[in-house]
N, C-alpha and C. Protein backbone atom coordinates (compact mmCIF):
# COMPACT_ATOMS: atom_id res chain seq x y z
N MET A 1 6.06 0.18 14.78
CA MET A 1 5.64 1.09 13.71
C MET A 1 4.46 0.42 13.00
N ALA A 2 3.44 1.19 12.71
CA ALA A 2 2.28 0.70 11.98
C ALA A 2 2.66 0.42 10.53
N ASN A 3 2.01 -0.59 9.96
CA ASN A 3 2.29 -0.96 8.56
C ASN A 3 1.74 0.13 7.65
N PRO A 4 2.61 0.88 6.92
CA PRO A 4 2.11 1.94 6.08
C PRO A 4 1.24 1.47 4.93
N ARG A 5 1.38 0.27 4.43
CA ARG A 5 0.60 -0.23 3.35
C ARG A 5 -0.83 -0.40 3.83
N LYS A 6 -1.00 -0.95 5.01
CA LYS A 6 -2.32 -1.11 5.62
C LYS A 6 -3.02 0.24 5.87
N LEU A 7 -2.22 1.18 6.36
CA LEU A 7 -2.76 2.50 6.63
C LEU A 7 -3.24 3.19 5.36
N ILE A 8 -2.48 3.03 4.29
CA ILE A 8 -2.88 3.72 3.03
C ILE A 8 -4.08 3.07 2.39
N THR A 9 -4.12 1.71 2.35
CA THR A 9 -5.31 1.09 1.75
C THR A 9 -6.56 1.40 2.62
N ALA A 10 -6.41 1.45 3.91
CA ALA A 10 -7.55 1.78 4.80
C ALA A 10 -7.99 3.26 4.56
N ALA A 11 -7.01 4.12 4.34
CA ALA A 11 -7.36 5.54 4.04
C ALA A 11 -8.08 5.73 2.72
N ILE A 12 -7.64 4.96 1.70
CA ILE A 12 -8.38 5.02 0.38
C ILE A 12 -9.81 4.54 0.56
N ALA A 13 -9.98 3.40 1.19
CA ALA A 13 -11.33 2.85 1.40
C ALA A 13 -12.18 3.85 2.22
N GLU A 14 -11.62 4.37 3.28
CA GLU A 14 -12.34 5.31 4.10
C GLU A 14 -12.75 6.55 3.32
N TYR A 15 -11.88 7.05 2.52
CA TYR A 15 -12.21 8.23 1.63
C TYR A 15 -13.37 7.89 0.70
N LEU A 16 -13.31 6.73 0.09
CA LEU A 16 -14.31 6.34 -0.89
C LEU A 16 -15.68 6.06 -0.25
N ARG A 17 -15.72 5.64 0.99
CA ARG A 17 -17.00 5.30 1.63
C ARG A 17 -17.55 6.46 2.49
N THR A 18 -16.81 7.51 2.70
CA THR A 18 -17.29 8.62 3.54
C THR A 18 -18.25 9.46 2.72
N PRO A 19 -19.38 9.78 3.33
CA PRO A 19 -20.37 10.60 2.57
C PRO A 19 -19.83 12.03 2.34
N VAL A 20 -20.22 12.53 1.14
CA VAL A 20 -19.81 13.91 0.81
C VAL A 20 -20.68 14.89 1.58
N THR A 21 -21.99 14.62 1.62
CA THR A 21 -22.94 15.41 2.42
C THR A 21 -23.83 14.44 3.24
N THR A 22 -24.38 14.99 4.31
CA THR A 22 -25.26 14.15 5.18
C THR A 22 -26.73 14.50 5.03
N ASP A 23 -27.04 15.68 4.41
CA ASP A 23 -28.42 16.05 4.24
C ASP A 23 -28.58 16.75 2.87
N PRO A 24 -28.94 16.07 1.87
CA PRO A 24 -29.20 14.62 1.76
C PRO A 24 -27.92 13.80 1.81
N LEU A 25 -28.03 12.54 2.17
CA LEU A 25 -26.88 11.64 2.19
C LEU A 25 -26.44 11.34 0.80
N THR A 26 -25.23 11.81 0.42
CA THR A 26 -24.71 11.52 -0.88
C THR A 26 -23.23 11.03 -0.76
N PHE A 27 -22.86 10.18 -1.71
CA PHE A 27 -21.52 9.57 -1.67
C PHE A 27 -20.81 9.84 -2.97
N ARG A 28 -19.47 9.57 -2.99
CA ARG A 28 -18.64 9.77 -4.17
C ARG A 28 -18.91 8.73 -5.27
N THR A 29 -19.40 7.57 -4.83
CA THR A 29 -19.61 6.46 -5.81
C THR A 29 -20.93 5.79 -5.54
N ASP A 30 -21.36 4.99 -6.53
CA ASP A 30 -22.56 4.21 -6.37
C ASP A 30 -22.43 3.09 -5.33
N ALA A 31 -21.19 2.84 -4.89
CA ALA A 31 -21.02 1.78 -3.88
C ALA A 31 -21.40 2.32 -2.50
N LYS A 32 -21.63 3.60 -2.41
CA LYS A 32 -21.96 4.27 -1.19
C LYS A 32 -20.98 3.96 -0.08
N GLY A 33 -21.43 3.37 1.02
CA GLY A 33 -20.52 3.05 2.12
C GLY A 33 -19.86 1.67 2.04
N ARG A 34 -20.04 1.02 0.87
CA ARG A 34 -19.47 -0.34 0.72
C ARG A 34 -18.11 -0.31 -0.02
N ALA A 35 -17.19 0.41 0.62
CA ALA A 35 -15.79 0.41 0.16
C ALA A 35 -14.96 -0.15 1.28
N LEU A 36 -14.29 -1.25 1.04
CA LEU A 36 -13.57 -1.98 2.12
C LEU A 36 -12.10 -2.09 1.76
N ASP A 37 -11.29 -2.15 2.78
CA ASP A 37 -9.85 -2.34 2.62
C ASP A 37 -9.49 -3.79 2.81
N SER A 38 -10.14 -4.64 2.10
CA SER A 38 -9.96 -6.08 2.26
C SER A 38 -10.32 -6.80 0.96
N ASP A 39 -9.69 -7.92 0.73
CA ASP A 39 -10.10 -8.79 -0.37
C ASP A 39 -10.84 -10.02 0.15
N SER A 40 -11.09 -10.01 1.44
CA SER A 40 -11.79 -11.19 1.98
C SER A 40 -13.26 -11.05 2.09
N THR A 41 -13.81 -10.00 1.54
CA THR A 41 -15.26 -9.80 1.58
C THR A 41 -15.80 -9.84 0.16
N PRO A 42 -16.21 -11.01 -0.30
CA PRO A 42 -16.70 -11.11 -1.64
C PRO A 42 -18.04 -10.39 -1.83
N PRO A 43 -18.25 -9.81 -3.01
CA PRO A 43 -19.49 -9.08 -3.23
C PRO A 43 -20.70 -9.99 -3.08
N ASP A 44 -21.77 -9.43 -2.58
CA ASP A 44 -23.01 -10.19 -2.41
C ASP A 44 -23.82 -10.15 -3.68
N ALA A 45 -24.75 -11.11 -3.76
CA ALA A 45 -25.62 -11.18 -4.92
C ALA A 45 -26.84 -10.28 -4.70
N ASP A 46 -26.69 -9.25 -3.91
CA ASP A 46 -27.84 -8.41 -3.60
C ASP A 46 -28.03 -7.24 -4.59
N GLY A 47 -27.15 -7.17 -5.55
CA GLY A 47 -27.27 -6.11 -6.56
C GLY A 47 -26.59 -4.85 -6.22
N LEU A 48 -26.06 -4.69 -4.99
CA LEU A 48 -25.42 -3.45 -4.58
C LEU A 48 -23.96 -3.48 -5.04
N ALA A 49 -23.53 -2.33 -5.51
CA ALA A 49 -22.14 -2.21 -5.91
C ALA A 49 -21.19 -2.22 -4.71
N GLU A 50 -19.98 -2.67 -4.89
CA GLU A 50 -19.01 -2.75 -3.83
C GLU A 50 -17.59 -2.49 -4.36
N ILE A 51 -16.75 -1.90 -3.50
CA ILE A 51 -15.39 -1.60 -3.86
C ILE A 51 -14.48 -2.27 -2.83
N ASN A 52 -13.45 -2.99 -3.28
CA ASN A 52 -12.43 -3.54 -2.39
C ASN A 52 -11.09 -2.86 -2.73
N VAL A 53 -10.38 -2.39 -1.72
CA VAL A 53 -9.08 -1.79 -1.93
C VAL A 53 -8.03 -2.73 -1.36
N VAL A 54 -7.10 -3.19 -2.16
CA VAL A 54 -6.19 -4.24 -1.83
C VAL A 54 -4.74 -3.90 -2.22
N PHE A 55 -3.80 -4.07 -1.28
CA PHE A 55 -2.37 -3.91 -1.56
C PHE A 55 -1.94 -5.04 -2.50
N ALA A 56 -1.24 -4.70 -3.54
CA ALA A 56 -0.79 -5.68 -4.54
C ALA A 56 0.74 -5.94 -4.48
N ARG A 57 1.53 -4.88 -4.55
CA ARG A 57 2.97 -5.06 -4.57
C ARG A 57 3.65 -3.71 -4.23
N GLU A 58 4.94 -3.74 -3.98
CA GLU A 58 5.63 -2.53 -3.68
C GLU A 58 7.09 -2.59 -4.04
N THR A 59 7.67 -1.53 -4.51
CA THR A 59 9.10 -1.45 -4.74
C THR A 59 9.62 -0.18 -4.00
N ILE A 60 10.91 -0.24 -3.67
CA ILE A 60 11.52 0.90 -3.04
C ILE A 60 12.48 1.54 -4.06
N ASP A 61 12.32 2.86 -4.19
CA ASP A 61 13.13 3.59 -5.14
C ASP A 61 14.63 3.33 -4.82
N ALA A 62 15.39 2.85 -5.83
CA ALA A 62 16.82 2.48 -5.56
C ALA A 62 17.67 3.66 -5.10
N THR A 63 17.26 4.89 -5.47
CA THR A 63 18.08 6.05 -5.07
C THR A 63 17.87 6.37 -3.60
N THR A 64 16.91 5.73 -2.96
CA THR A 64 16.69 6.01 -1.52
C THR A 64 16.91 4.79 -0.64
N GLN A 65 17.69 3.83 -1.17
CA GLN A 65 17.98 2.57 -0.44
C GLN A 65 19.13 2.71 0.56
N HIS A 66 19.71 3.86 0.69
CA HIS A 66 20.85 4.01 1.57
C HIS A 66 20.45 3.82 3.05
N GLN A 67 21.49 3.59 3.91
CA GLN A 67 21.27 3.37 5.26
C GLN A 67 20.72 4.65 5.92
N GLY A 68 19.60 4.51 6.69
CA GLY A 68 19.03 5.63 7.39
C GLY A 68 18.33 6.58 6.44
N GLY A 69 17.65 7.50 7.00
CA GLY A 69 17.01 8.53 6.20
C GLY A 69 15.69 8.03 5.55
N PRO A 70 14.99 8.90 4.80
CA PRO A 70 13.69 8.56 4.22
C PRO A 70 13.88 7.62 3.01
N ARG A 71 12.79 6.80 2.81
CA ARG A 71 12.77 5.89 1.67
C ARG A 71 11.53 6.17 0.88
N ARG A 72 11.69 6.33 -0.43
CA ARG A 72 10.57 6.57 -1.34
C ARG A 72 10.07 5.21 -1.82
N ARG A 73 8.77 4.98 -1.59
CA ARG A 73 8.18 3.69 -1.94
C ARG A 73 7.11 3.89 -3.00
N VAL A 74 7.06 2.91 -3.89
CA VAL A 74 6.06 2.90 -4.96
C VAL A 74 5.21 1.63 -4.81
N MET A 75 3.97 1.83 -4.35
CA MET A 75 3.12 0.70 -4.01
C MET A 75 2.01 0.63 -5.10
N GLN A 76 1.71 -0.59 -5.53
CA GLN A 76 0.60 -0.82 -6.41
C GLN A 76 -0.56 -1.24 -5.57
N VAL A 77 -1.69 -0.60 -5.75
CA VAL A 77 -2.97 -0.83 -5.07
C VAL A 77 -3.97 -1.22 -6.12
N SER A 78 -4.71 -2.27 -5.80
CA SER A 78 -5.82 -2.70 -6.69
C SER A 78 -7.11 -2.19 -6.07
N VAL A 79 -7.84 -1.41 -6.88
CA VAL A 79 -9.20 -1.02 -6.45
C VAL A 79 -10.14 -1.79 -7.31
N GLU A 80 -10.90 -2.70 -6.70
CA GLU A 80 -11.76 -3.62 -7.37
C GLU A 80 -13.21 -3.10 -7.30
N CYS A 81 -13.81 -2.83 -8.39
CA CYS A 81 -15.16 -2.29 -8.52
C CYS A 81 -16.11 -3.35 -8.95
N TYR A 82 -17.01 -3.81 -8.10
CA TYR A 82 -17.94 -4.94 -8.40
C TYR A 82 -19.36 -4.46 -8.53
N SER A 83 -20.05 -5.08 -9.50
CA SER A 83 -21.47 -4.84 -9.63
C SER A 83 -22.14 -6.16 -10.15
N THR A 84 -23.36 -6.37 -9.74
CA THR A 84 -24.10 -7.51 -10.30
C THR A 84 -25.11 -7.01 -11.35
N ALA A 85 -25.16 -5.71 -11.58
CA ALA A 85 -26.13 -5.15 -12.53
C ALA A 85 -25.70 -5.29 -13.95
N SER A 86 -24.50 -4.80 -14.27
CA SER A 86 -24.04 -4.88 -15.68
C SER A 86 -22.56 -4.49 -15.73
N LYS A 87 -21.94 -4.79 -16.90
CA LYS A 87 -20.57 -4.44 -17.14
C LYS A 87 -20.44 -2.93 -17.12
N ASP A 88 -21.45 -2.21 -17.72
CA ASP A 88 -21.45 -0.76 -17.70
C ASP A 88 -21.48 -0.21 -16.28
N ALA A 89 -22.27 -0.82 -15.40
CA ALA A 89 -22.34 -0.36 -14.05
C ALA A 89 -20.98 -0.50 -13.33
N ALA A 90 -20.28 -1.58 -13.56
CA ALA A 90 -18.93 -1.75 -12.96
C ALA A 90 -17.98 -0.71 -13.56
N ASP A 91 -18.07 -0.47 -14.87
CA ASP A 91 -17.21 0.54 -15.49
C ASP A 91 -17.57 1.95 -15.02
N ASP A 92 -18.83 2.25 -14.83
CA ASP A 92 -19.20 3.55 -14.29
C ASP A 92 -18.66 3.73 -12.85
N LEU A 93 -18.70 2.67 -12.06
CA LEU A 93 -18.18 2.71 -10.71
C LEU A 93 -16.70 3.02 -10.74
N ALA A 94 -15.99 2.37 -11.65
CA ALA A 94 -14.54 2.67 -11.78
C ALA A 94 -14.30 4.12 -12.17
N MET A 95 -15.14 4.66 -13.04
CA MET A 95 -14.98 6.09 -13.42
C MET A 95 -15.27 7.00 -12.22
N GLN A 96 -16.21 6.64 -11.43
CA GLN A 96 -16.54 7.41 -10.22
C GLN A 96 -15.37 7.39 -9.22
N VAL A 97 -14.75 6.22 -9.10
CA VAL A 97 -13.53 6.13 -8.25
C VAL A 97 -12.43 7.00 -8.82
N GLU A 98 -12.19 6.93 -10.12
CA GLU A 98 -11.18 7.74 -10.73
C GLU A 98 -11.42 9.23 -10.54
N ASP A 99 -12.66 9.68 -10.70
CA ASP A 99 -12.97 11.06 -10.45
C ASP A 99 -12.79 11.48 -9.00
N ALA A 100 -13.17 10.62 -8.08
CA ALA A 100 -13.00 10.93 -6.65
C ALA A 100 -11.53 10.98 -6.33
N MET A 101 -10.74 10.11 -6.84
CA MET A 101 -9.28 10.14 -6.51
C MET A 101 -8.59 11.34 -7.15
N ARG A 102 -9.10 11.77 -8.28
CA ARG A 102 -8.53 12.97 -8.99
C ARG A 102 -8.79 14.21 -8.12
N GLU A 103 -9.87 14.21 -7.36
CA GLU A 103 -10.22 15.33 -6.47
C GLU A 103 -9.27 15.37 -5.23
N ASN A 104 -8.66 14.26 -4.92
CA ASN A 104 -7.80 14.16 -3.73
C ASN A 104 -6.55 13.40 -4.02
N PRO A 105 -5.65 13.94 -4.94
CA PRO A 105 -4.49 13.17 -5.50
C PRO A 105 -3.44 12.86 -4.51
N THR A 106 -3.47 13.44 -3.31
CA THR A 106 -2.44 13.09 -2.30
C THR A 106 -3.07 12.50 -1.09
N LEU A 107 -4.33 12.16 -1.17
CA LEU A 107 -5.07 11.54 -0.09
C LEU A 107 -4.91 12.37 1.20
N GLY A 108 -5.20 13.66 1.07
CA GLY A 108 -5.04 14.60 2.20
C GLY A 108 -3.60 14.73 2.66
N ASN A 109 -2.67 14.73 1.77
CA ASN A 109 -1.23 14.84 2.06
C ASN A 109 -0.70 13.60 2.81
N THR A 110 -1.34 12.50 2.62
CA THR A 110 -0.88 11.23 3.20
C THR A 110 0.18 10.60 2.30
N VAL A 111 0.05 10.76 1.01
CA VAL A 111 0.96 10.18 0.01
C VAL A 111 1.47 11.27 -0.91
N GLU A 112 2.57 10.95 -1.63
CA GLU A 112 3.06 11.91 -2.64
C GLU A 112 2.14 11.98 -3.82
N SER A 113 1.68 10.83 -4.28
CA SER A 113 0.78 10.83 -5.44
C SER A 113 -0.04 9.58 -5.57
N LEU A 114 -1.19 9.62 -6.25
CA LEU A 114 -1.99 8.50 -6.60
C LEU A 114 -2.19 8.58 -8.12
N ILE A 115 -1.71 7.60 -8.84
CA ILE A 115 -1.76 7.62 -10.30
C ILE A 115 -2.44 6.33 -10.83
N LEU A 116 -3.49 6.51 -11.57
CA LEU A 116 -4.18 5.37 -12.17
C LEU A 116 -3.32 4.87 -13.38
N THR A 117 -2.99 3.56 -13.35
CA THR A 117 -2.15 3.06 -14.39
C THR A 117 -2.84 2.03 -15.31
N ASP A 118 -3.96 1.43 -14.85
CA ASP A 118 -4.53 0.40 -15.69
C ASP A 118 -5.96 0.12 -15.15
N VAL A 119 -6.84 -0.23 -16.10
CA VAL A 119 -8.20 -0.67 -15.74
C VAL A 119 -8.55 -1.88 -16.63
N ASP A 120 -9.03 -2.95 -16.01
CA ASP A 120 -9.48 -4.15 -16.76
C ASP A 120 -10.89 -4.44 -16.35
N LEU A 121 -11.69 -4.90 -17.32
CA LEU A 121 -13.08 -5.27 -17.06
C LEU A 121 -13.17 -6.84 -17.16
N TYR A 122 -13.91 -7.41 -16.19
CA TYR A 122 -14.07 -8.85 -16.16
C TYR A 122 -15.53 -9.16 -15.96
N ILE A 123 -15.96 -10.31 -16.49
CA ILE A 123 -17.31 -10.82 -16.32
C ILE A 123 -17.23 -12.28 -15.93
N ALA A 124 -17.96 -12.62 -14.82
CA ALA A 124 -18.03 -13.99 -14.36
C ALA A 124 -19.53 -14.39 -14.32
N GLU A 125 -19.90 -15.44 -15.01
CA GLU A 125 -21.31 -15.85 -15.04
C GLU A 125 -21.41 -17.28 -14.62
N ARG A 126 -22.48 -17.56 -13.87
CA ARG A 126 -22.80 -18.95 -13.47
C ARG A 126 -24.31 -19.02 -13.25
N ASP A 127 -24.92 -19.87 -14.04
CA ASP A 127 -26.39 -20.01 -14.00
C ASP A 127 -27.03 -18.62 -14.23
N SER A 128 -27.80 -18.17 -13.30
CA SER A 128 -28.52 -16.93 -13.48
C SER A 128 -27.79 -15.76 -12.78
N PHE A 129 -26.61 -16.01 -12.25
CA PHE A 129 -25.86 -14.95 -11.54
C PHE A 129 -24.67 -14.50 -12.39
N ALA A 130 -24.49 -13.18 -12.48
CA ALA A 130 -23.37 -12.63 -13.22
C ALA A 130 -22.73 -11.57 -12.29
N LEU A 131 -21.41 -11.56 -12.25
CA LEU A 131 -20.63 -10.60 -11.53
C LEU A 131 -19.77 -9.87 -12.53
N PHE A 132 -19.82 -8.55 -12.44
CA PHE A 132 -19.02 -7.73 -13.34
C PHE A 132 -18.02 -6.94 -12.48
N ALA A 133 -16.80 -6.86 -12.92
CA ALA A 133 -15.73 -6.20 -12.16
C ALA A 133 -14.88 -5.34 -13.03
N ALA A 134 -14.55 -4.15 -12.53
CA ALA A 134 -13.58 -3.28 -13.14
C ALA A 134 -12.44 -3.23 -12.14
N MET A 135 -11.26 -3.77 -12.56
CA MET A 135 -10.10 -3.82 -11.69
C MET A 135 -9.17 -2.69 -12.05
N MET A 136 -8.99 -1.81 -11.12
CA MET A 136 -8.13 -0.64 -11.33
C MET A 136 -6.82 -0.81 -10.64
N LYS A 137 -5.75 -0.48 -11.31
CA LYS A 137 -4.40 -0.53 -10.67
C LYS A 137 -3.91 0.92 -10.47
N TRP A 138 -3.59 1.22 -9.26
CA TRP A 138 -3.12 2.53 -8.88
C TRP A 138 -1.72 2.50 -8.42
N GLU A 139 -0.85 3.41 -8.79
CA GLU A 139 0.45 3.60 -8.28
C GLU A 139 0.42 4.62 -7.20
N VAL A 140 0.80 4.21 -5.99
CA VAL A 140 0.77 5.11 -4.86
C VAL A 140 2.21 5.30 -4.41
N VAL A 141 2.62 6.55 -4.43
CA VAL A 141 4.01 6.93 -4.04
C VAL A 141 3.92 7.56 -2.68
N TYR A 142 4.73 7.01 -1.75
CA TYR A 142 4.80 7.55 -0.42
C TYR A 142 6.25 7.42 0.16
N TRP A 143 6.46 8.03 1.29
CA TRP A 143 7.80 7.97 1.93
C TRP A 143 7.71 7.38 3.30
N THR A 144 8.73 6.67 3.73
CA THR A 144 8.84 6.21 5.12
C THR A 144 10.20 6.60 5.60
N HIS A 145 10.31 6.65 6.92
CA HIS A 145 11.57 6.95 7.54
C HIS A 145 12.06 5.71 8.32
N VAL A 146 13.30 5.36 8.16
CA VAL A 146 13.86 4.25 8.91
C VAL A 146 13.94 4.61 10.34
N GLN A 147 13.53 3.73 11.21
CA GLN A 147 13.59 3.97 12.65
C GLN A 147 15.03 3.93 13.11
N PRO A 148 15.43 4.87 13.97
CA PRO A 148 16.79 4.85 14.43
C PRO A 148 17.10 3.61 15.26
N ASP A 149 18.36 3.15 15.14
CA ASP A 149 18.81 2.02 15.93
C ASP A 149 19.16 2.53 17.32
N GLU A 150 18.37 2.14 18.33
CA GLU A 150 18.55 2.58 19.65
C GLU A 150 19.86 2.12 20.28
N THR A 151 20.34 0.90 19.90
CA THR A 151 21.52 0.35 20.54
C THR A 151 22.79 0.75 19.78
N GLY A 152 22.68 1.32 18.62
CA GLY A 152 23.88 1.67 17.88
C GLY A 152 24.47 0.49 17.16
N ARG A 153 25.29 0.76 16.24
CA ARG A 153 25.99 -0.36 15.53
C ARG A 153 27.46 -0.28 15.81
N PRO A 154 28.18 -1.38 15.59
CA PRO A 154 29.63 -1.42 15.84
C PRO A 154 30.36 -0.39 15.04
N THR A 155 31.33 0.31 15.63
CA THR A 155 32.13 1.25 14.88
C THR A 155 33.58 0.75 14.77
N THR A 156 33.87 -0.37 15.41
CA THR A 156 35.21 -0.91 15.31
C THR A 156 35.10 -2.32 14.72
N VAL A 157 35.89 -2.55 13.70
CA VAL A 157 35.96 -3.87 13.09
C VAL A 157 37.28 -4.51 13.46
N LEU A 158 37.18 -5.72 13.96
CA LEU A 158 38.41 -6.42 14.43
C LEU A 158 38.67 -7.66 13.53
N LEU A 159 39.90 -8.03 13.40
CA LEU A 159 40.25 -9.14 12.59
C LEU A 159 41.00 -10.17 13.52
N GLY A 160 40.61 -11.42 13.44
CA GLY A 160 41.23 -12.46 14.20
C GLY A 160 41.38 -13.72 13.28
N PHE A 161 42.26 -14.60 13.66
CA PHE A 161 42.48 -15.79 12.86
C PHE A 161 42.16 -17.00 13.66
N ALA A 162 41.50 -17.92 13.04
CA ALA A 162 41.09 -19.21 13.69
C ALA A 162 42.38 -19.91 14.04
N PRO A 163 42.46 -20.63 15.12
CA PRO A 163 41.41 -20.90 16.08
C PRO A 163 41.39 -19.83 17.17
N GLU A 164 42.19 -18.74 17.14
CA GLU A 164 42.19 -17.76 18.22
C GLU A 164 41.13 -16.73 17.99
N ILE A 165 39.87 -17.10 17.97
CA ILE A 165 38.81 -16.11 17.82
C ILE A 165 37.78 -16.37 18.89
N GLY A 166 36.93 -15.37 19.10
CA GLY A 166 35.86 -15.51 20.09
C GLY A 166 36.23 -15.00 21.48
N PRO A 167 35.34 -15.10 22.43
CA PRO A 167 35.60 -14.57 23.78
C PRO A 167 36.84 -15.21 24.35
N GLY A 168 37.65 -14.35 24.98
CA GLY A 168 38.93 -14.78 25.55
C GLY A 168 40.08 -14.59 24.65
N SER A 169 39.88 -14.40 23.35
CA SER A 169 40.95 -14.20 22.38
C SER A 169 41.07 -12.81 21.88
N GLU A 170 40.38 -11.85 22.48
CA GLU A 170 40.35 -10.45 22.13
C GLU A 170 41.77 -9.91 21.99
N PRO A 171 42.74 -10.20 22.89
CA PRO A 171 44.06 -9.64 22.76
C PRO A 171 44.74 -10.04 21.47
N ASP A 172 44.34 -11.10 20.82
CA ASP A 172 44.98 -11.55 19.59
C ASP A 172 44.40 -10.84 18.35
N TYR A 173 43.33 -10.01 18.50
CA TYR A 173 42.73 -9.35 17.39
C TYR A 173 43.52 -8.15 16.95
N SER A 174 43.37 -7.76 15.66
CA SER A 174 43.97 -6.52 15.11
C SER A 174 42.82 -5.64 14.68
N THR A 175 42.93 -4.34 15.04
CA THR A 175 41.95 -3.35 14.58
C THR A 175 42.20 -3.06 13.15
N ILE A 176 41.13 -3.11 12.29
CA ILE A 176 41.34 -2.80 10.90
C ILE A 176 40.55 -1.53 10.49
N ILE A 177 39.50 -1.22 11.23
CA ILE A 177 38.72 0.05 10.93
C ILE A 177 38.30 0.60 12.27
N GLY A 178 38.57 1.90 12.46
CA GLY A 178 38.16 2.61 13.66
C GLY A 178 38.72 2.14 14.98
N GLY A 179 38.41 2.78 16.00
CA GLY A 179 38.78 2.31 17.35
C GLY A 179 40.29 2.40 17.61
N VAL A 180 40.69 1.76 18.68
CA VAL A 180 42.09 1.75 19.18
C VAL A 180 42.54 0.32 19.08
N ASP A 181 43.80 0.11 18.80
CA ASP A 181 44.34 -1.28 18.78
C ASP A 181 44.08 -1.93 20.09
N VAL A 182 43.65 -3.16 20.03
CA VAL A 182 43.33 -3.95 21.20
C VAL A 182 44.54 -4.74 21.59
């Protein structure tokens, strides 16, 4: 089974980097095609805006923790908007991401919902280089289905007493749940 967290972060990055029109070439954000589903690609000092989409954490809704059936998951995704131009440019990029995600709140019916929960602005300066970042936290709600157990699980529980347990001692066991007395 493919990792759903990777699929969702990749889908968000793909959506943000895909052109809206090709003639003329226009994008949803000033980052244009520089939206990546990785945190291993640091922004360049080339002045171009960049977006990184990163899985942060996940919880499973306690009401869907039962054996089998679908599970409702709440994943936190960090959308990091970088600019070397200015703090305002990073903040504008974050607003563009917010507007783009508002236009597609289920990511094409891939998820139940995408909800912006937090935005922080950061500035890092060293010598003549400054990096500005708007870090967005998104709550992504989606569902997974537990894969069926192909081999099945035991339906009979047997009770034995040491030292008469293990292979060869089955006649000494007592059935306590299901099955027929052995």
